[in-house]
Amino acid sequence: MAPQKDPCQKQACAIQHCLQANKYVESMCADVIRDMRRCCEIHAAKSLCCSGFKNSESKEGHSNA
């Protein structure tokens, strides 16, 4: 029996793809990040992808210079 797929894996992959395509400019991926937050609000207990995402709500202004 295969393990159950992470319910937010699709959104997590979309964020990675978007960030890579936009040279890691988070503001360019705000819509996909918002989708991930919505998924985590619903599935946080079942999603490993959400474990590192919960506390990142207001960090959009930081940069990795």
PDB file of N, CA and C in Angstrom:
ATOM      1  N   MET A   1       0.840  -1.192   0.000  1.00  0.00           N
ATOM      2  CA  MET A   1       0.000   0.000   0.000  1.00  0.00           C
ATOM      3  C   MET A   1       0.888   1.260   0.000  1.00  0.00           C
ATOM      4  N   ALA A   2       0.626   2.163  -0.903  1.00  0.00           N
ATOM      5  CA  ALA A   2       1.421   3.393  -0.993  1.00  0.00           C
ATOM      6  C   ALA A   2       0.988   4.376   0.090  1.00  0.00           C
ATOM      7  N   PRO A   3       1.936   5.159   0.597  1.00  0.00           N
ATOM      8  CA  PRO A   3       1.556   6.163   1.585  1.00  0.00           C
ATOM      9  C   PRO A   3       0.667   7.228   0.950  1.00  0.00           C
ATOM     10  N   GLN A   4      -0.189   7.814   1.764  1.00  0.00           N
ATOM     11  CA  GLN A   4      -1.099   8.832   1.248  1.00  0.00           C
ATOM     12  C   GLN A   4      -0.305  10.071   0.836  1.00  0.00           C
ATOM     13  N   LYS A   5      -0.647  10.628  -0.297  1.00  0.00           N
ATOM     14  CA  LYS A   5       0.050  11.799  -0.810  1.00  0.00           C
ATOM     15  C   LYS A   5      -0.238  13.007   0.090  1.00  0.00           C
ATOM     16  N   ASP A   6       0.770  13.825   0.269  1.00  0.00           N
ATOM     17  CA  ASP A   6       0.611  15.037   1.076  1.00  0.00           C
ATOM     18  C   ASP A   6      -0.426  15.944   0.421  1.00  0.00           C
ATOM     19  N   PRO A   7      -1.442  16.380   1.163  1.00  0.00           N
ATOM     20  CA  PRO A   7      -2.519  17.175   0.558  1.00  0.00           C
ATOM     21  C   PRO A   7      -2.058  18.544   0.049  1.00  0.00           C
ATOM     22  N   CYS A   8      -0.933  19.035   0.509  1.00  0.00           N
ATOM     23  CA  CYS A   8      -0.458  20.352   0.066  1.00  0.00           C
ATOM     24  C   CYS A   8       0.813  20.261  -0.774  1.00  0.00           C
ATOM     25  N   GLN A   9       1.172  19.058  -1.195  1.00  0.00           N
ATOM     26  CA  GLN A   9       2.394  18.894  -1.991  1.00  0.00           C
ATOM     27  C   GLN A   9       2.295  19.645  -3.318  1.00  0.00           C
ATOM     28  N   LYS A  10       1.132  19.635  -3.923  1.00  0.00           N
ATOM     29  CA  LYS A  10       0.943  20.328  -5.200  1.00  0.00           C
ATOM     30  C   LYS A  10       1.261  21.821  -5.053  1.00  0.00           C
ATOM     31  N   GLN A  11       0.759  22.432  -3.974  1.00  0.00           N
ATOM     32  CA  GLN A  11       1.008  23.853  -3.735  1.00  0.00           C
ATOM     33  C   GLN A  11       2.473  24.116  -3.417  1.00  0.00           C
ATOM     34  N   ALA A  12       3.085  23.225  -2.639  1.00  0.00           N
ATOM     35  CA  ALA A  12       4.495  23.390  -2.298  1.00  0.00           C
ATOM     36  C   ALA A  12       5.362  23.323  -3.553  1.00  0.00           C
ATOM     37  N   CYS A  13       5.051  22.407  -4.448  1.00  0.00           N
ATOM     38  CA  CYS A  13       5.794  22.298  -5.704  1.00  0.00           C
ATOM     39  C   CYS A  13       5.566  23.528  -6.572  1.00  0.00           C
ATOM     40  N   ALA A  14       4.353  24.053  -6.554  1.00  0.00           N
ATOM     41  CA  ALA A  14       4.051  25.251  -7.339  1.00  0.00           C
ATOM     42  C   ALA A  14       4.869  26.442  -6.846  1.00  0.00           C
ATOM     43  N   ILE A  15       5.045  26.546  -5.524  1.00  0.00           N
ATOM     44  CA  ILE A  15       5.861  27.629  -4.963  1.00  0.00           C
ATOM     45  C   ILE A  15       7.306  27.473  -5.428  1.00  0.00           C
ATOM     46  N   GLN A  16       7.856  26.280  -5.326  1.00  0.00           N
ATOM     47  CA  GLN A  16       9.242  26.053  -5.755  1.00  0.00           C
ATOM     48  C   GLN A  16       9.422  26.408  -7.228  1.00  0.00           C
ATOM     49  N   HIS A  17       8.499  25.960  -8.057  1.00  0.00           N
ATOM     50  CA  HIS A  17       8.577  26.234  -9.491  1.00  0.00           C
ATOM     51  C   HIS A  17       8.498  27.736  -9.761  1.00  0.00           C
ATOM     52  N   CYS A  18       7.565  28.405  -9.096  1.00  0.00           N
ATOM     53  CA  CYS A  18       7.385  29.847  -9.287  1.00  0.00           C
ATOM     54  C   CYS A  18       8.626  30.614  -8.845  1.00  0.00           C
ATOM     55  N   LEU A  19       9.153  30.267  -7.678  1.00  0.00           N
ATOM     56  CA  LEU A  19      10.344  30.964  -7.182  1.00  0.00           C
ATOM     57  C   LEU A  19      11.531  30.768  -8.120  1.00  0.00           C
ATOM     58  N   GLN A  20      11.722  29.565  -8.597  1.00  0.00           N
ATOM     59  CA  GLN A  20      12.825  29.303  -9.518  1.00  0.00           C
ATOM     60  C   GLN A  20      12.651  30.099 -10.811  1.00  0.00           C
ATOM     61  N   ALA A  21      11.425  30.145 -11.309  1.00  0.00           N
ATOM     62  CA  ALA A  21      11.149  30.850 -12.561  1.00  0.00           C
ATOM     63  C   ALA A  21      11.286  32.364 -12.423  1.00  0.00           C
ATOM     64  N   ASN A  22      11.146  32.866 -11.193  1.00  0.00           N
ATOM     65  CA  ASN A  22      11.173  34.314 -10.955  1.00  0.00           C
ATOM     66  C   ASN A  22      12.379  34.757 -10.139  1.00  0.00           C
ATOM     67  N   LYS A  23      13.469  33.994 -10.229  1.00  0.00           N
ATOM     68  CA  LYS A  23      14.722  34.325  -9.539  1.00  0.00           C
ATOM     69  C   LYS A  23      14.529  34.571  -8.039  1.00  0.00           C
ATOM     70  N   TYR A  24      13.645  33.785  -7.437  1.00  0.00           N
ATOM     71  CA  TYR A  24      13.400  33.803  -5.988  1.00  0.00           C
ATOM     72  C   TYR A  24      12.887  35.151  -5.473  1.00  0.00           C
ATOM     73  N   VAL A  25      12.130  35.856  -6.308  1.00  0.00           N
ATOM     74  CA  VAL A  25      11.463  37.084  -5.873  1.00  0.00           C
ATOM     75  C   VAL A  25      10.083  36.673  -5.361  1.00  0.00           C
ATOM     76  N   GLU A  26       9.942  36.645  -4.005  1.00  0.00           N
ATOM     77  CA  GLU A  26       8.707  36.133  -3.398  1.00  0.00           C
ATOM     78  C   GLU A  26       7.468  36.908  -3.839  1.00  0.00           C
ATOM     79  N   SER A  27       7.594  38.203  -4.047  1.00  0.00           N
ATOM     80  CA  SER A  27       6.422  39.009  -4.412  1.00  0.00           C
ATOM     81  C   SER A  27       5.836  38.568  -5.751  1.00  0.00           C
ATOM     82  N   MET A  28       6.643  37.955  -6.604  1.00  0.00           N
ATOM     83  CA  MET A  28       6.152  37.469  -7.897  1.00  0.00           C
ATOM     84  C   MET A  28       5.301  36.208  -7.728  1.00  0.00           C
ATOM     85  N   CYS A  29       5.374  35.590  -6.569  1.00  0.00           N
ATOM     86  CA  CYS A  29       4.679  34.323  -6.331  1.00  0.00           C
ATOM     87  C   CYS A  29       3.620  34.448  -5.232  1.00  0.00           C
ATOM     88  N   ALA A  30       3.163  35.650  -4.977  1.00  0.00           N
ATOM     89  CA  ALA A  30       2.227  35.874  -3.871  1.00  0.00           C
ATOM     90  C   ALA A  30       0.972  35.014  -3.989  1.00  0.00           C
ATOM     91  N   ASP A  31       0.473  34.816  -5.197  1.00  0.00           N
ATOM     92  CA  ASP A  31      -0.754  34.028  -5.372  1.00  0.00           C
ATOM     93  C   ASP A  31      -0.536  32.552  -5.032  1.00  0.00           C
ATOM     94  N   VAL A  32       0.600  31.982  -5.428  1.00  0.00           N
ATOM     95  CA  VAL A  32       0.863  30.573  -5.099  1.00  0.00           C
ATOM     96  C   VAL A  32       1.141  30.403  -3.611  1.00  0.00           C
ATOM     97  N   ILE A  33       1.801  31.389  -3.010  1.00  0.00           N
ATOM     98  CA  ILE A  33       2.054  31.357  -1.568  1.00  0.00           C
ATOM     99  C   ILE A  33       0.724  31.439  -0.809  1.00  0.00           C
ATOM    100  N   ARG A  34      -0.186  32.268  -1.297  1.00  0.00           N
ATOM    101  CA  ARG A  34      -1.510  32.383  -0.682  1.00  0.00           C
ATOM    102  C   ARG A  34      -2.260  31.058  -0.783  1.00  0.00           C
ATOM    103  N   ASP A  35      -2.156  30.382  -1.927  1.00  0.00           N
ATOM    104  CA  ASP A  35      -2.802  29.070  -2.087  1.00  0.00           C
ATOM    105  C   ASP A  35      -2.237  28.062  -1.088  1.00  0.00           C
ATOM    106  N   MET A  36      -0.930  28.104  -0.866  1.00  0.00           N
ATOM    107  CA  MET A  36      -0.293  27.199   0.095  1.00  0.00           C
ATOM    108  C   MET A  36      -0.801  27.477   1.503  1.00  0.00           C
ATOM    109  N   ARG A  37      -0.914  28.763   1.867  1.00  0.00           N
ATOM    110  CA  ARG A  37      -1.440  29.109   3.197  1.00  0.00           C
ATOM    111  C   ARG A  37      -2.850  28.584   3.391  1.00  0.00           C
ATOM    112  N   ARG A  38      -3.679  28.721   2.351  1.00  0.00           N
ATOM    113  CA  ARG A  38      -5.054  28.219   2.442  1.00  0.00           C
ATOM    114  C   ARG A  38      -5.055  26.716   2.637  1.00  0.00           C
ATOM    115  N   CYS A  39      -4.219  26.018   1.896  1.00  0.00           N
ATOM    116  CA  CYS A  39      -4.143  24.558   2.031  1.00  0.00           C
ATOM    117  C   CYS A  39      -3.705  24.186   3.443  1.00  0.00           C
ATOM    118  N   CYS A  40      -2.708  24.900   3.951  1.00  0.00           N
ATOM    119  CA  CYS A  40      -2.204  24.586   5.288  1.00  0.00           C
ATOM    120  C   CYS A  40      -3.221  24.900   6.381  1.00  0.00           C
ATOM    121  N   GLU A  41      -4.067  25.895   6.160  1.00  0.00           N
ATOM    122  CA  GLU A  41      -5.120  26.188   7.141  1.00  0.00           C
ATOM    123  C   GLU A  41      -6.055  24.991   7.273  1.00  0.00           C
ATOM    124  N   ILE A  42      -6.269  24.294   6.173  1.00  0.00           N
ATOM    125  CA  ILE A  42      -7.196  23.159   6.159  1.00  0.00           C
ATOM    126  C   ILE A  42      -6.500  21.857   6.551  1.00  0.00           C
ATOM    127  N   HIS A  43      -5.276  21.657   6.058  1.00  0.00           N
ATOM    128  CA  HIS A  43      -4.627  20.343   6.159  1.00  0.00           C
ATOM    129  C   HIS A  43      -3.363  20.323   7.010  1.00  0.00           C
ATOM    130  N   ALA A  44      -3.123  21.320   7.825  1.00  0.00           N
ATOM    131  CA  ALA A  44      -1.857  21.411   8.572  1.00  0.00           C
ATOM    132  C   ALA A  44      -1.520  20.125   9.326  1.00  0.00           C
ATOM    133  N   ALA A  45      -2.495  19.491   9.925  1.00  0.00           N
ATOM    134  CA  ALA A  45      -2.239  18.284  10.713  1.00  0.00           C
ATOM    135  C   ALA A  45      -1.829  17.092   9.843  1.00  0.00           C
ATOM    136  N   LYS A  46      -2.220  17.102   8.560  1.00  0.00           N
ATOM    137  CA  LYS A  46      -1.951  15.974   7.674  1.00  0.00           C
ATOM    138  C   LYS A  46      -0.814  16.239   6.701  1.00  0.00           C
ATOM    139  N   SER A  47      -0.280  17.460   6.673  1.00  0.00           N
ATOM    140  CA  SER A  47       0.679  17.828   5.641  1.00  0.00           C
ATOM    141  C   SER A  47       2.067  18.115   6.190  1.00  0.00           C
ATOM    142  N   LEU A  48       3.051  17.324   5.766  1.00  0.00           N
ATOM    143  CA  LEU A  48       4.436  17.608   6.126  1.00  0.00           C
ATOM    144  C   LEU A  48       4.907  18.888   5.460  1.00  0.00           C
ATOM    145  N   CYS A  49       4.390  19.188   4.284  1.00  0.00           N
ATOM    146  CA  CYS A  49       4.783  20.405   3.565  1.00  0.00           C
ATOM    147  C   CYS A  49       4.469  21.658   4.382  1.00  0.00           C
ATOM    148  N   CYS A  50       3.455  21.598   5.217  1.00  0.00           N
ATOM    149  CA  CYS A  50       3.044  22.760   6.000  1.00  0.00           C
ATOM    150  C   CYS A  50       3.900  22.962   7.251  1.00  0.00           C
ATOM    151  N   SER A  51       4.659  21.952   7.648  1.00  0.00           N
ATOM    152  CA  SER A  51       5.379  22.038   8.915  1.00  0.00           C
ATOM    153  C   SER A  51       6.336  23.224   8.975  1.00  0.00           C
ATOM    154  N   GLY A  52       6.999  23.543   7.880  1.00  0.00           N
ATOM    155  CA  GLY A  52       7.909  24.680   7.872  1.00  0.00           C
ATOM    156  C   GLY A  52       7.280  25.935   7.340  1.00  0.00           C
ATOM    157  N   PHE A  53       6.011  25.881   7.036  1.00  0.00           N
ATOM    158  CA  PHE A  53       5.346  26.993   6.379  1.00  0.00           C
ATOM    159  C   PHE A  53       4.471  27.813   7.317  1.00  0.00           C
ATOM    160  N   LYS A  54       4.070  27.237   8.438  1.00  0.00           N
ATOM    161  CA  LYS A  54       3.104  27.873   9.327  1.00  0.00           C
ATOM    162  C   LYS A  54       3.526  29.254   9.809  1.00  0.00           C
ATOM    163  N   ASN A  55       4.799  29.421  10.165  1.00  0.00           N
ATOM    164  CA  ASN A  55       5.237  30.673  10.777  1.00  0.00           C
ATOM    165  C   ASN A  55       5.798  31.676   9.783  1.00  0.00           C
ATOM    166  N   SER A  56       5.563  31.485   8.497  1.00  0.00           N
ATOM    167  CA  SER A  56       6.163  32.365   7.509  1.00  0.00           C
ATOM    168  C   SER A  56       5.194  33.435   7.002  1.00  0.00           C
ATOM    169  N   GLU A  57       4.140  33.697   7.756  1.00  0.00           N
ATOM    170  CA  GLU A  57       3.084  34.573   7.267  1.00  0.00           C
ATOM    171  C   GLU A  57       3.514  36.003   6.990  1.00  0.00           C
ATOM    172  N   SER A  58       4.303  36.603   7.854  1.00  0.00           N
ATOM    173  CA  SER A  58       4.600  38.029   7.667  1.00  0.00           C
ATOM    174  C   SER A  58       6.065  38.274   7.332  1.00  0.00           C
ATOM    175  N   LYS A  59       6.712  37.330   6.672  1.00  0.00           N
ATOM    176  CA  LYS A  59       8.118  37.489   6.349  1.00  0.00           C
ATOM    177  C   LYS A  59       8.319  37.871   4.884  1.00  0.00           C
ATOM    178  N   GLU A  60       7.311  38.396   4.228  1.00  0.00           N
ATOM    179  CA  GLU A  60       7.426  38.675   2.811  1.00  0.00           C
ATOM    180  C   GLU A  60       8.321  39.857   2.499  1.00  0.00           C
ATOM    181  N   GLY A  61       8.658  40.674   3.462  1.00  0.00           N
ATOM    182  CA  GLY A  61       9.494  41.825   3.212  1.00  0.00           C
ATOM    183  C   GLY A  61      10.979  41.536   3.283  1.00  0.00           C
ATOM    184  N   HIS A  62      11.385  40.331   3.723  1.00  0.00           N
ATOM    185  CA  HIS A  62      12.807  40.050   3.857  1.00  0.00           C
ATOM    186  C   HIS A  62      13.432  39.722   2.509  1.00  0.00           C
ATOM    187  N   SER A  63      14.731  39.881   2.402  1.00  0.00           N
ATOM    188  CA  SER A  63      15.436  39.525   1.181  1.00  0.00           C
ATOM    189  C   SER A  63      16.696  38.742   1.519  1.00  0.00           C
ATOM    190  N   ASN A  64      17.134  37.965   0.571  1.00  0.00           N
ATOM    191  CA  ASN A  64      18.353  37.185   0.749  1.00  0.00           C
ATOM    192  C   ASN A  64      19.463  37.793  -0.101  1.00  0.00           C
ATOM    193  N   ALA A  65      19.921  38.952   0.284  1.00  0.00           N
ATOM    194  CA  ALA A  65      20.881  39.693  -0.526  1.00  0.00           C
ATOM    195  C   ALA A  65      22.194  39.033  -0.678  1.00  0.00           C
TER     196      ALA A  65
END
